[in-house]
Amino acid sequence: MYKLGPLLARGFIMQVNGELAARRHQQLLTDIKQGNFALMDESHHFLSGFKSLFTDWAYNSIEESRIACGGAGYTKWAGFAE
């Protein structure tokens, strides 16, 4: 569990930030309809940074999970390939 616990925490962080990003995006769309583009630059930087970070986390977390499974982590039976 000491290997998978941090990976689950990362997943939780990504989920919470994804929900925050969705709310901010809805606010941005509302503002744009009113002619206010103030949040666009901030939203772009926010989303670009998290996309890069979360892609790296997801890739590394999948690899760490596969390794934690031992030999079974590399077989189709483990379900990672699907």
N, C-alpha and C. Protein backbone atom coordinates (compact mmCIF):
# COMPACT_ATOMS: atom_id res chain seq x y z
N MET A 1 0.82 -1.19 0.00
CA MET A 1 0.00 0.00 0.00
C MET A 1 0.87 1.27 0.00
N TYR A 2 2.07 1.18 0.53
CA TYR A 2 2.93 2.36 0.58
C TYR A 2 3.32 2.81 -0.83
N LYS A 3 3.25 1.92 -1.82
CA LYS A 3 3.53 2.33 -3.20
C LYS A 3 2.30 2.91 -3.87
N LEU A 4 1.14 2.36 -3.58
CA LEU A 4 -0.07 2.79 -4.27
C LEU A 4 -0.78 3.96 -3.58
N GLY A 5 -0.53 4.18 -2.29
CA GLY A 5 -1.16 5.28 -1.57
C GLY A 5 -0.90 6.64 -2.19
N PRO A 6 0.37 6.97 -2.48
CA PRO A 6 0.63 8.27 -3.13
C PRO A 6 -0.01 8.38 -4.51
N LEU A 7 -0.13 7.26 -5.21
CA LEU A 7 -0.76 7.29 -6.53
C LEU A 7 -2.25 7.59 -6.41
N LEU A 8 -2.89 7.04 -5.40
CA LEU A 8 -4.30 7.34 -5.16
C LEU A 8 -4.48 8.80 -4.77
N ALA A 9 -3.54 9.32 -3.99
CA ALA A 9 -3.61 10.74 -3.61
C ALA A 9 -3.48 11.63 -4.84
N ARG A 10 -2.59 11.27 -5.75
CA ARG A 10 -2.47 12.03 -6.99
C ARG A 10 -3.77 12.00 -7.79
N GLY A 11 -4.39 10.84 -7.83
CA GLY A 11 -5.67 10.71 -8.53
C GLY A 11 -6.72 11.62 -7.92
N PHE A 12 -6.75 11.69 -6.60
CA PHE A 12 -7.70 12.56 -5.92
C PHE A 12 -7.42 14.03 -6.25
N ILE A 13 -6.16 14.41 -6.25
CA ILE A 13 -5.77 15.77 -6.58
C ILE A 13 -6.21 16.12 -8.00
N MET A 14 -6.00 15.18 -8.93
CA MET A 14 -6.40 15.43 -10.31
C MET A 14 -7.91 15.57 -10.43
N GLN A 15 -8.65 14.76 -9.70
CA GLN A 15 -10.12 14.83 -9.74
C GLN A 15 -10.62 16.17 -9.21
N VAL A 16 -10.11 16.58 -8.07
CA VAL A 16 -10.54 17.85 -7.47
C VAL A 16 -10.20 19.02 -8.39
N ASN A 17 -8.99 19.02 -8.94
CA ASN A 17 -8.60 20.11 -9.83
C ASN A 17 -9.36 20.07 -11.15
N GLY A 18 -9.75 18.89 -11.60
CA GLY A 18 -10.57 18.79 -12.80
C GLY A 18 -11.93 19.42 -12.59
N GLU A 19 -12.51 19.18 -11.41
CA GLU A 19 -13.80 19.79 -11.10
C GLU A 19 -13.67 21.32 -10.99
N LEU A 20 -12.58 21.78 -10.39
CA LEU A 20 -12.33 23.21 -10.30
C LEU A 20 -12.18 23.81 -11.70
N ALA A 21 -11.45 23.13 -12.56
CA ALA A 21 -11.25 23.62 -13.92
C ALA A 21 -12.57 23.68 -14.68
N ALA A 22 -13.44 22.71 -14.48
CA ALA A 22 -14.74 22.73 -15.16
C ALA A 22 -15.58 23.92 -14.70
N ARG A 23 -15.55 24.22 -13.41
CA ARG A 23 -16.30 25.38 -12.90
C ARG A 23 -15.72 26.69 -13.44
N ARG A 24 -14.40 26.78 -13.47
CA ARG A 24 -13.75 27.99 -13.99
C ARG A 24 -14.06 28.15 -15.48
N HIS A 25 -14.11 27.04 -16.21
CA HIS A 25 -14.41 27.10 -17.63
C HIS A 25 -15.84 27.61 -17.85
N GLN A 26 -16.77 27.13 -17.06
CA GLN A 26 -18.14 27.62 -17.17
C GLN A 26 -18.21 29.12 -16.87
N GLN A 27 -17.47 29.57 -15.87
CA GLN A 27 -17.43 31.00 -15.55
C GLN A 27 -16.83 31.79 -16.70
N LEU A 28 -15.77 31.23 -17.29
CA LEU A 28 -15.13 31.88 -18.43
C LEU A 28 -16.11 32.03 -19.59
N LEU A 29 -16.86 30.99 -19.90
CA LEU A 29 -17.84 31.06 -20.99
C LEU A 29 -18.91 32.11 -20.71
N THR A 30 -19.36 32.17 -19.47
CA THR A 30 -20.35 33.18 -19.09
C THR A 30 -19.78 34.58 -19.27
N ASP A 31 -18.54 34.77 -18.83
CA ASP A 31 -17.90 36.08 -18.95
C ASP A 31 -17.69 36.47 -20.42
N ILE A 32 -17.30 35.51 -21.24
CA ILE A 32 -17.07 35.80 -22.66
C ILE A 32 -18.37 36.25 -23.33
N LYS A 33 -19.48 35.62 -22.99
CA LYS A 33 -20.77 36.03 -23.56
C LYS A 33 -21.10 37.47 -23.20
N GLN A 34 -20.58 37.93 -22.07
CA GLN A 34 -20.81 39.31 -21.63
C GLN A 34 -19.72 40.26 -22.12
N GLY A 35 -18.76 39.74 -22.90
CA GLY A 35 -17.70 40.57 -23.44
C GLY A 35 -16.50 40.75 -22.52
N ASN A 36 -16.44 39.98 -21.45
CA ASN A 36 -15.34 40.09 -20.50
C ASN A 36 -14.36 38.94 -20.73
N PHE A 37 -13.16 39.27 -21.18
CA PHE A 37 -12.15 38.26 -21.48
C PHE A 37 -11.03 38.21 -20.44
N ALA A 38 -11.27 38.77 -19.27
CA ALA A 38 -10.23 38.88 -18.24
C ALA A 38 -9.71 37.53 -17.76
N LEU A 39 -10.57 36.53 -17.67
CA LEU A 39 -10.15 35.22 -17.14
C LEU A 39 -9.48 34.33 -18.19
N MET A 40 -9.51 34.76 -19.46
CA MET A 40 -9.00 33.88 -20.52
C MET A 40 -7.52 33.58 -20.36
N ASP A 41 -6.71 34.60 -20.14
CA ASP A 41 -5.26 34.41 -20.02
C ASP A 41 -4.93 33.54 -18.80
N GLU A 42 -5.55 33.86 -17.68
CA GLU A 42 -5.31 33.09 -16.46
C GLU A 42 -5.74 31.63 -16.64
N SER A 43 -6.89 31.43 -17.25
CA SER A 43 -7.39 30.06 -17.47
C SER A 43 -6.47 29.28 -18.38
N HIS A 44 -5.95 29.94 -19.41
CA HIS A 44 -5.03 29.26 -20.33
C HIS A 44 -3.79 28.77 -19.59
N HIS A 45 -3.20 29.62 -18.78
CA HIS A 45 -1.98 29.23 -18.04
C HIS A 45 -2.30 28.13 -17.02
N PHE A 46 -3.39 28.27 -16.34
CA PHE A 46 -3.83 27.28 -15.35
C PHE A 46 -3.99 25.90 -15.99
N LEU A 47 -4.74 25.86 -17.11
CA LEU A 47 -5.01 24.58 -17.76
C LEU A 47 -3.78 23.99 -18.43
N SER A 48 -2.96 24.83 -19.03
CA SER A 48 -1.74 24.34 -19.68
C SER A 48 -0.78 23.72 -18.68
N GLY A 49 -0.62 24.37 -17.55
CA GLY A 49 0.27 23.84 -16.52
C GLY A 49 -0.22 22.52 -15.95
N PHE A 50 -1.52 22.46 -15.65
CA PHE A 50 -2.04 21.21 -15.10
C PHE A 50 -2.08 20.09 -16.13
N LYS A 51 -2.29 20.42 -17.39
CA LYS A 51 -2.27 19.38 -18.43
C LYS A 51 -0.91 18.70 -18.46
N SER A 52 0.14 19.51 -18.44
CA SER A 52 1.50 18.96 -18.46
C SER A 52 1.79 18.14 -17.21
N LEU A 53 1.46 18.70 -16.05
CA LEU A 53 1.73 18.01 -14.78
C LEU A 53 0.92 16.72 -14.67
N PHE A 54 -0.37 16.78 -14.98
CA PHE A 54 -1.23 15.61 -14.81
C PHE A 54 -0.92 14.52 -15.83
N THR A 55 -0.48 14.90 -17.02
CA THR A 55 -0.07 13.89 -18.00
C THR A 55 1.15 13.14 -17.50
N ASP A 56 2.10 13.87 -16.94
CA ASP A 56 3.30 13.24 -16.38
C ASP A 56 2.93 12.34 -15.21
N TRP A 57 2.08 12.84 -14.31
CA TRP A 57 1.65 12.03 -13.17
C TRP A 57 0.95 10.75 -13.62
N ALA A 58 0.04 10.88 -14.58
CA ALA A 58 -0.72 9.71 -15.03
C ALA A 58 0.21 8.68 -15.65
N TYR A 59 1.11 9.12 -16.51
CA TYR A 59 2.05 8.20 -17.15
C TYR A 59 2.90 7.47 -16.10
N ASN A 60 3.48 8.24 -15.19
CA ASN A 60 4.34 7.63 -14.17
C ASN A 60 3.55 6.76 -13.19
N SER A 61 2.33 7.16 -12.87
CA SER A 61 1.51 6.38 -11.95
C SER A 61 1.13 5.03 -12.54
N ILE A 62 0.81 5.01 -13.84
CA ILE A 62 0.49 3.75 -14.50
C ILE A 62 1.71 2.84 -14.49
N GLU A 63 2.86 3.40 -14.77
CA GLU A 63 4.08 2.59 -14.78
C GLU A 63 4.41 2.06 -13.39
N GLU A 64 4.28 2.91 -12.36
CA GLU A 64 4.54 2.45 -11.00
C GLU A 64 3.54 1.36 -10.58
N SER A 65 2.30 1.49 -11.00
CA SER A 65 1.29 0.48 -10.68
C SER A 65 1.62 -0.85 -11.36
N ARG A 66 2.05 -0.78 -12.60
CA ARG A 66 2.42 -2.00 -13.33
C ARG A 66 3.59 -2.70 -12.64
N ILE A 67 4.57 -1.91 -12.24
CA ILE A 67 5.74 -2.48 -11.56
C ILE A 67 5.34 -3.08 -10.22
N ALA A 68 4.43 -2.41 -9.50
CA ALA A 68 3.97 -2.90 -8.20
C ALA A 68 3.24 -4.24 -8.32
N CYS A 69 2.70 -4.52 -9.49
CA CYS A 69 1.99 -5.79 -9.70
C CYS A 69 2.97 -6.95 -9.92
N GLY A 70 4.24 -6.64 -10.02
CA GLY A 70 5.21 -7.69 -10.28
C GLY A 70 5.09 -8.15 -11.73
N GLY A 71 5.33 -9.41 -11.97
CA GLY A 71 5.25 -9.96 -13.32
C GLY A 71 3.86 -9.86 -13.91
N ALA A 72 2.83 -9.93 -13.06
CA ALA A 72 1.46 -9.88 -13.57
C ALA A 72 1.11 -8.50 -14.11
N GLY A 73 1.86 -7.49 -13.72
CA GLY A 73 1.58 -6.14 -14.19
C GLY A 73 1.84 -5.94 -15.66
N TYR A 74 2.59 -6.85 -16.24
CA TYR A 74 2.92 -6.72 -17.65
C TYR A 74 2.13 -7.66 -18.54
N THR A 75 1.20 -8.39 -17.97
CA THR A 75 0.38 -9.30 -18.77
C THR A 75 -0.95 -8.67 -19.09
N LYS A 76 -1.61 -9.21 -20.09
CA LYS A 76 -2.94 -8.70 -20.45
C LYS A 76 -3.93 -8.95 -19.31
N TRP A 77 -3.70 -9.97 -18.53
CA TRP A 77 -4.58 -10.32 -17.42
C TRP A 77 -4.73 -9.19 -16.41
N ALA A 78 -3.69 -8.36 -16.24
CA ALA A 78 -3.71 -7.27 -15.28
C ALA A 78 -4.68 -6.15 -15.70
N GLY A 79 -5.02 -6.08 -16.98
CA GLY A 79 -6.01 -5.11 -17.46
C GLY A 79 -5.46 -3.73 -17.77
N PHE A 80 -4.16 -3.52 -17.72
CA PHE A 80 -3.60 -2.20 -18.02
C PHE A 80 -3.63 -1.87 -19.50
N ALA A 81 -3.62 -2.88 -20.34
CA ALA A 81 -3.56 -2.66 -21.78
C ALA A 81 -4.89 -2.23 -22.37
N GLU A 82 -5.96 -2.38 -21.64
CA GLU A 82 -7.29 -2.10 -22.21
C GLU A 82 -7.68 -0.66 -22.07
